[in-house]
């Protein structure tokens, strides 16, 4: 299953909701949203700095990740960024594939 790193930052409205509901409630909400599209939450952390939440999830396909991302962003409670994560084996496979590419000016 494709794996994604999600970095999220609460908006002021989202922070108010977090203060009201608590962190455990948010983990449950994230797990339910991910599971609704056949995915699983590998890990979830709260953080200080640019991002408030760091989550690693597995989804059956990138479209499932996009669906969750769109729904979360539409809520206005969070700003998110999803990064596809590749295993070492996947990168090894990528290095073996032939690519026809000519750099600019070459």
N, C-alpha and C. Protein backbone atom coordinates (compact mmCIF):
# COMPACT_ATOMS: atom_id res chain seq x y z
N UNK A 1 0.84 -1.18 0.00
CA UNK A 1 0.00 0.00 0.00
C UNK A 1 0.88 1.24 0.00
N UNK A 2 0.53 2.23 -0.79
CA UNK A 2 1.29 3.48 -0.77
C UNK A 2 1.25 4.13 0.62
N UNK A 3 2.37 4.69 1.00
CA UNK A 3 2.54 5.32 2.31
C UNK A 3 2.73 6.82 2.10
N UNK A 4 2.14 7.62 2.99
CA UNK A 4 2.22 9.07 2.89
C UNK A 4 2.57 9.69 4.24
N UNK A 5 3.38 10.74 4.18
CA UNK A 5 3.67 11.58 5.33
C UNK A 5 2.72 12.78 5.24
N UNK A 6 1.94 13.00 6.27
CA UNK A 6 1.05 14.16 6.30
C UNK A 6 1.55 15.11 7.37
N UNK A 7 1.75 16.36 6.97
CA UNK A 7 2.13 17.41 7.91
C UNK A 7 0.97 18.40 7.92
N UNK A 8 0.46 18.70 9.11
CA UNK A 8 -0.71 19.56 9.21
C UNK A 8 -0.49 20.66 10.23
N UNK A 9 -1.11 21.79 9.95
CA UNK A 9 -1.07 22.94 10.84
C UNK A 9 -2.50 23.38 11.11
N UNK A 10 -2.85 23.50 12.38
CA UNK A 10 -4.19 23.93 12.74
C UNK A 10 -4.39 25.41 12.42
N UNK A 11 -5.57 25.74 11.92
CA UNK A 11 -5.99 27.13 11.81
C UNK A 11 -6.46 27.55 13.21
N UNK A 12 -6.69 28.85 13.43
CA UNK A 12 -7.21 29.24 14.75
C UNK A 12 -8.51 28.50 15.12
N UNK A 13 -9.38 28.30 14.16
CA UNK A 13 -10.63 27.59 14.43
C UNK A 13 -10.37 26.12 14.78
N UNK A 14 -9.44 25.51 14.05
CA UNK A 14 -9.07 24.12 14.35
C UNK A 14 -8.43 23.98 15.72
N UNK A 15 -7.61 24.96 16.11
CA UNK A 15 -6.98 24.93 17.43
C UNK A 15 -8.04 25.01 18.53
N UNK A 16 -9.06 25.81 18.32
CA UNK A 16 -10.16 25.88 19.30
C UNK A 16 -10.82 24.52 19.46
N UNK A 17 -11.03 23.82 18.34
CA UNK A 17 -11.61 22.49 18.40
C UNK A 17 -10.72 21.50 19.14
N UNK A 18 -9.40 21.58 18.90
CA UNK A 18 -8.45 20.71 19.60
C UNK A 18 -8.49 20.97 21.10
N UNK A 19 -8.52 22.23 21.49
CA UNK A 19 -8.58 22.57 22.91
C UNK A 19 -9.86 22.03 23.55
N UNK A 20 -10.94 22.03 22.80
CA UNK A 20 -12.23 21.55 23.32
C UNK A 20 -12.27 20.02 23.40
N UNK A 21 -11.77 19.32 22.37
CA UNK A 21 -11.90 17.87 22.27
C UNK A 21 -10.70 17.09 22.81
N UNK A 22 -9.50 17.66 22.75
CA UNK A 22 -8.30 16.95 23.18
C UNK A 22 -7.67 16.15 22.06
N UNK A 23 -6.42 15.74 22.29
CA UNK A 23 -5.62 15.06 21.27
C UNK A 23 -6.12 13.65 20.97
N UNK A 24 -6.54 12.91 21.98
CA UNK A 24 -6.99 11.53 21.76
C UNK A 24 -8.21 11.49 20.84
N UNK A 25 -9.08 12.46 21.01
CA UNK A 25 -10.27 12.55 20.15
C UNK A 25 -9.87 12.80 18.70
N UNK A 26 -8.84 13.61 18.50
CA UNK A 26 -8.39 13.90 17.13
C UNK A 26 -7.77 12.66 16.51
N UNK A 27 -7.04 11.87 17.29
CA UNK A 27 -6.47 10.62 16.75
C UNK A 27 -7.59 9.72 16.27
N UNK A 28 -8.64 9.59 17.07
CA UNK A 28 -9.78 8.76 16.68
C UNK A 28 -10.40 9.27 15.39
N UNK A 29 -10.55 10.58 15.26
CA UNK A 29 -11.14 11.16 14.05
C UNK A 29 -10.26 10.89 12.83
N UNK A 30 -8.95 11.00 12.99
CA UNK A 30 -8.02 10.73 11.89
C UNK A 30 -8.11 9.26 11.49
N UNK A 31 -8.08 8.36 12.47
CA UNK A 31 -8.16 6.93 12.19
C UNK A 31 -9.45 6.58 11.45
N UNK A 32 -10.57 7.19 11.87
CA UNK A 32 -11.85 6.92 11.20
C UNK A 32 -11.84 7.42 9.76
N UNK A 33 -11.31 8.61 9.54
CA UNK A 33 -11.27 9.17 8.18
C UNK A 33 -10.41 8.30 7.27
N UNK A 34 -9.26 7.89 7.76
CA UNK A 34 -8.35 7.08 6.96
C UNK A 34 -8.95 5.70 6.69
N UNK A 35 -9.53 5.09 7.73
CA UNK A 35 -10.14 3.76 7.59
C UNK A 35 -11.33 3.78 6.64
N UNK A 36 -12.03 4.91 6.56
CA UNK A 36 -13.21 4.98 5.69
C UNK A 36 -12.86 4.79 4.22
N UNK A 37 -11.57 4.96 3.89
CA UNK A 37 -11.11 4.77 2.52
C UNK A 37 -10.13 3.61 2.41
N UNK A 38 -10.17 2.71 3.40
CA UNK A 38 -9.36 1.50 3.33
C UNK A 38 -7.92 1.66 3.79
N UNK A 39 -7.60 2.76 4.46
CA UNK A 39 -6.24 3.00 4.91
C UNK A 39 -6.05 2.73 6.38
N UNK A 40 -4.80 2.87 6.82
CA UNK A 40 -4.46 2.71 8.23
C UNK A 40 -3.49 3.81 8.64
N UNK A 41 -3.57 4.19 9.91
CA UNK A 41 -2.64 5.16 10.48
C UNK A 41 -1.48 4.39 11.08
N UNK A 42 -0.28 4.64 10.58
CA UNK A 42 0.91 3.98 11.13
C UNK A 42 1.35 4.66 12.42
N UNK A 43 1.41 6.00 12.38
CA UNK A 43 1.82 6.75 13.56
C UNK A 43 1.27 8.18 13.47
N UNK A 44 1.11 8.80 14.62
CA UNK A 44 0.62 10.18 14.67
C UNK A 44 1.26 10.87 15.85
N UNK A 45 1.85 12.03 15.60
CA UNK A 45 2.50 12.81 16.64
C UNK A 45 2.04 14.25 16.57
N UNK A 46 1.95 14.89 17.72
CA UNK A 46 1.79 16.34 17.77
C UNK A 46 3.19 16.92 17.90
N UNK A 47 3.38 18.13 17.35
CA UNK A 47 4.71 18.73 17.32
C UNK A 47 4.62 20.23 17.59
N UNK A 48 5.77 20.82 17.83
CA UNK A 48 5.89 22.28 17.95
C UNK A 48 6.57 22.78 16.69
N UNK A 49 6.28 24.00 16.31
CA UNK A 49 6.95 24.58 15.15
C UNK A 49 5.99 24.83 14.02
N UNK A 50 6.49 24.68 12.80
CA UNK A 50 5.68 24.98 11.61
C UNK A 50 4.46 24.08 11.51
N UNK A 51 4.62 22.80 11.88
CA UNK A 51 3.52 21.84 11.79
C UNK A 51 3.08 21.41 13.18
N UNK A 52 1.78 21.26 13.34
CA UNK A 52 1.22 20.84 14.63
C UNK A 52 1.07 19.32 14.72
N UNK A 53 0.87 18.67 13.59
CA UNK A 53 0.64 17.23 13.57
C UNK A 53 1.48 16.60 12.46
N UNK A 54 2.06 15.46 12.77
CA UNK A 54 2.79 14.65 11.80
C UNK A 54 2.14 13.26 11.82
N UNK A 55 1.69 12.80 10.65
CA UNK A 55 1.01 11.50 10.56
C UNK A 55 1.61 10.71 9.40
N UNK A 56 1.80 9.42 9.61
CA UNK A 56 2.19 8.52 8.52
C UNK A 56 1.04 7.56 8.33
N UNK A 57 0.53 7.50 7.09
CA UNK A 57 -0.63 6.66 6.78
C UNK A 57 -0.33 5.77 5.58
N UNK A 58 -1.05 4.66 5.53
CA UNK A 58 -1.04 3.78 4.36
C UNK A 58 -2.42 3.86 3.73
N UNK A 59 -2.46 4.05 2.41
CA UNK A 59 -3.72 4.08 1.67
C UNK A 59 -3.64 3.07 0.53
N UNK A 60 -4.79 2.57 0.09
CA UNK A 60 -4.78 1.62 -1.02
C UNK A 60 -4.27 2.23 -2.33
N UNK A 61 -4.43 3.55 -2.47
CA UNK A 61 -4.00 4.22 -3.71
C UNK A 61 -3.92 5.73 -3.46
N UNK A 62 -3.25 6.46 -4.34
CA UNK A 62 -3.12 7.91 -4.17
C UNK A 62 -4.45 8.66 -4.23
N UNK A 63 -5.43 8.10 -4.92
CA UNK A 63 -6.74 8.76 -5.00
C UNK A 63 -7.40 8.82 -3.62
N UNK A 64 -7.23 7.77 -2.82
CA UNK A 64 -7.77 7.77 -1.46
C UNK A 64 -7.11 8.88 -0.64
N UNK A 65 -5.79 9.04 -0.80
CA UNK A 65 -5.09 10.11 -0.09
C UNK A 65 -5.63 11.47 -0.52
N UNK A 66 -5.85 11.63 -1.81
CA UNK A 66 -6.37 12.90 -2.33
C UNK A 66 -7.77 13.18 -1.78
N UNK A 67 -8.60 12.15 -1.68
CA UNK A 67 -9.96 12.33 -1.17
C UNK A 67 -9.95 12.83 0.28
N UNK A 68 -9.11 12.22 1.11
CA UNK A 68 -9.01 12.67 2.50
C UNK A 68 -8.45 14.09 2.56
N UNK A 69 -7.43 14.35 1.79
CA UNK A 69 -6.81 15.68 1.78
C UNK A 69 -7.82 16.76 1.40
N UNK A 70 -8.60 16.51 0.37
CA UNK A 70 -9.61 17.50 -0.05
C UNK A 70 -10.65 17.74 1.03
N UNK A 71 -11.12 16.68 1.65
CA UNK A 71 -12.15 16.81 2.69
C UNK A 71 -11.61 17.58 3.90
N UNK A 72 -10.38 17.26 4.31
CA UNK A 72 -9.79 17.93 5.47
C UNK A 72 -9.56 19.41 5.15
N UNK A 73 -9.01 19.71 3.98
CA UNK A 73 -8.77 21.10 3.62
C UNK A 73 -10.06 21.89 3.51
N UNK A 74 -11.12 21.25 3.01
CA UNK A 74 -12.41 21.93 2.86
C UNK A 74 -13.01 22.31 4.22
N UNK A 75 -12.62 21.60 5.27
CA UNK A 75 -13.15 21.91 6.60
C UNK A 75 -12.66 23.26 7.10
N UNK A 76 -11.51 23.69 6.62
CA UNK A 76 -10.94 24.95 7.08
C UNK A 76 -10.24 24.86 8.42
N UNK A 77 -10.21 23.68 9.04
CA UNK A 77 -9.61 23.51 10.36
C UNK A 77 -8.11 23.28 10.31
N UNK A 78 -7.62 22.83 9.15
CA UNK A 78 -6.20 22.50 9.02
C UNK A 78 -5.68 22.89 7.65
N UNK A 79 -4.40 23.20 7.61
CA UNK A 79 -3.67 23.31 6.35
C UNK A 79 -2.78 22.08 6.32
N UNK A 80 -2.80 21.34 5.22
CA UNK A 80 -2.07 20.08 5.18
C UNK A 80 -1.14 20.00 3.97
N UNK A 81 -0.17 19.12 4.11
CA UNK A 81 0.73 18.78 3.01
C UNK A 81 0.97 17.27 3.09
N UNK A 82 0.74 16.58 1.99
CA UNK A 82 0.96 15.13 1.94
C UNK A 82 2.15 14.84 1.03
N UNK A 83 3.06 14.01 1.51
CA UNK A 83 4.25 13.63 0.76
C UNK A 83 4.26 12.13 0.58
N UNK A 84 4.31 11.64 -0.67
CA UNK A 84 4.42 10.19 -0.86
C UNK A 84 5.76 9.69 -0.31
N UNK A 85 5.73 8.55 0.36
CA UNK A 85 6.95 7.95 0.90
C UNK A 85 7.25 6.67 0.14
N UNK A 86 8.50 6.48 -0.23
CA UNK A 86 8.91 5.30 -0.99
C UNK A 86 9.88 4.48 -0.15
N UNK A 87 9.74 3.18 -0.24
CA UNK A 87 10.64 2.29 0.49
C UNK A 87 12.00 2.23 -0.22
N UNK A 88 12.97 1.68 0.46
CA UNK A 88 14.30 1.50 -0.16
C UNK A 88 14.21 0.59 -1.37
N UNK A 89 13.39 -0.46 -1.27
CA UNK A 89 13.21 -1.36 -2.41
C UNK A 89 12.61 -0.64 -3.61
N UNK A 90 11.66 0.26 -3.36
CA UNK A 90 11.05 1.00 -4.46
C UNK A 90 12.07 1.92 -5.13
N UNK A 91 12.94 2.53 -4.36
CA UNK A 91 13.98 3.38 -4.94
C UNK A 91 14.98 2.53 -5.71
N UNK A 92 15.33 1.36 -5.16
CA UNK A 92 16.22 0.46 -5.91
C UNK A 92 15.61 0.09 -7.26
N UNK A 93 14.31 -0.18 -7.27
CA UNK A 93 13.63 -0.49 -8.53
C UNK A 93 13.68 0.70 -9.47
N UNK A 94 13.48 1.89 -8.94
CA UNK A 94 13.51 3.10 -9.77
C UNK A 94 14.88 3.31 -10.39
N UNK A 95 15.94 2.98 -9.66
CA UNK A 95 17.29 3.18 -10.21
C UNK A 95 17.59 2.22 -11.35
N UNK A 96 16.85 1.12 -11.42
CA UNK A 96 17.08 0.15 -12.49
C UNK A 96 16.28 0.46 -13.76
N UNK A 97 15.35 1.36 -13.68
CA UNK A 97 14.54 1.69 -14.86
C UNK A 97 15.28 2.66 -15.76
N UNK A 98 15.20 2.40 -17.06
CA UNK A 98 15.84 3.28 -18.03
C UNK A 98 14.92 4.45 -18.34
N UNK A 99 15.49 5.64 -18.36
CA UNK A 99 14.72 6.85 -18.61
C UNK A 99 15.38 7.58 -19.77
N UNK A 100 14.57 7.93 -20.76
CA UNK A 100 15.06 8.72 -21.88
C UNK A 100 14.91 10.20 -21.51
N UNK A 101 16.03 10.85 -21.22
CA UNK A 101 15.99 12.24 -20.76
C UNK A 101 17.20 12.98 -21.29
N UNK A 102 16.96 14.19 -21.79
CA UNK A 102 18.04 15.06 -22.23
C UNK A 102 17.92 16.35 -21.42
N UNK A 103 18.97 16.71 -20.64
CA UNK A 103 18.90 17.95 -19.87
C UNK A 103 18.92 19.18 -20.79
N UNK A 104 18.42 20.30 -20.32
CA UNK A 104 18.44 21.52 -21.13
C UNK A 104 19.86 21.89 -21.55
N UNK A 105 20.01 22.27 -22.77
CA UNK A 105 21.30 22.72 -23.28
C UNK A 105 22.26 21.60 -23.65
N UNK A 106 21.87 20.35 -23.47
CA UNK A 106 22.80 19.26 -23.77
C UNK A 106 22.65 18.80 -25.19
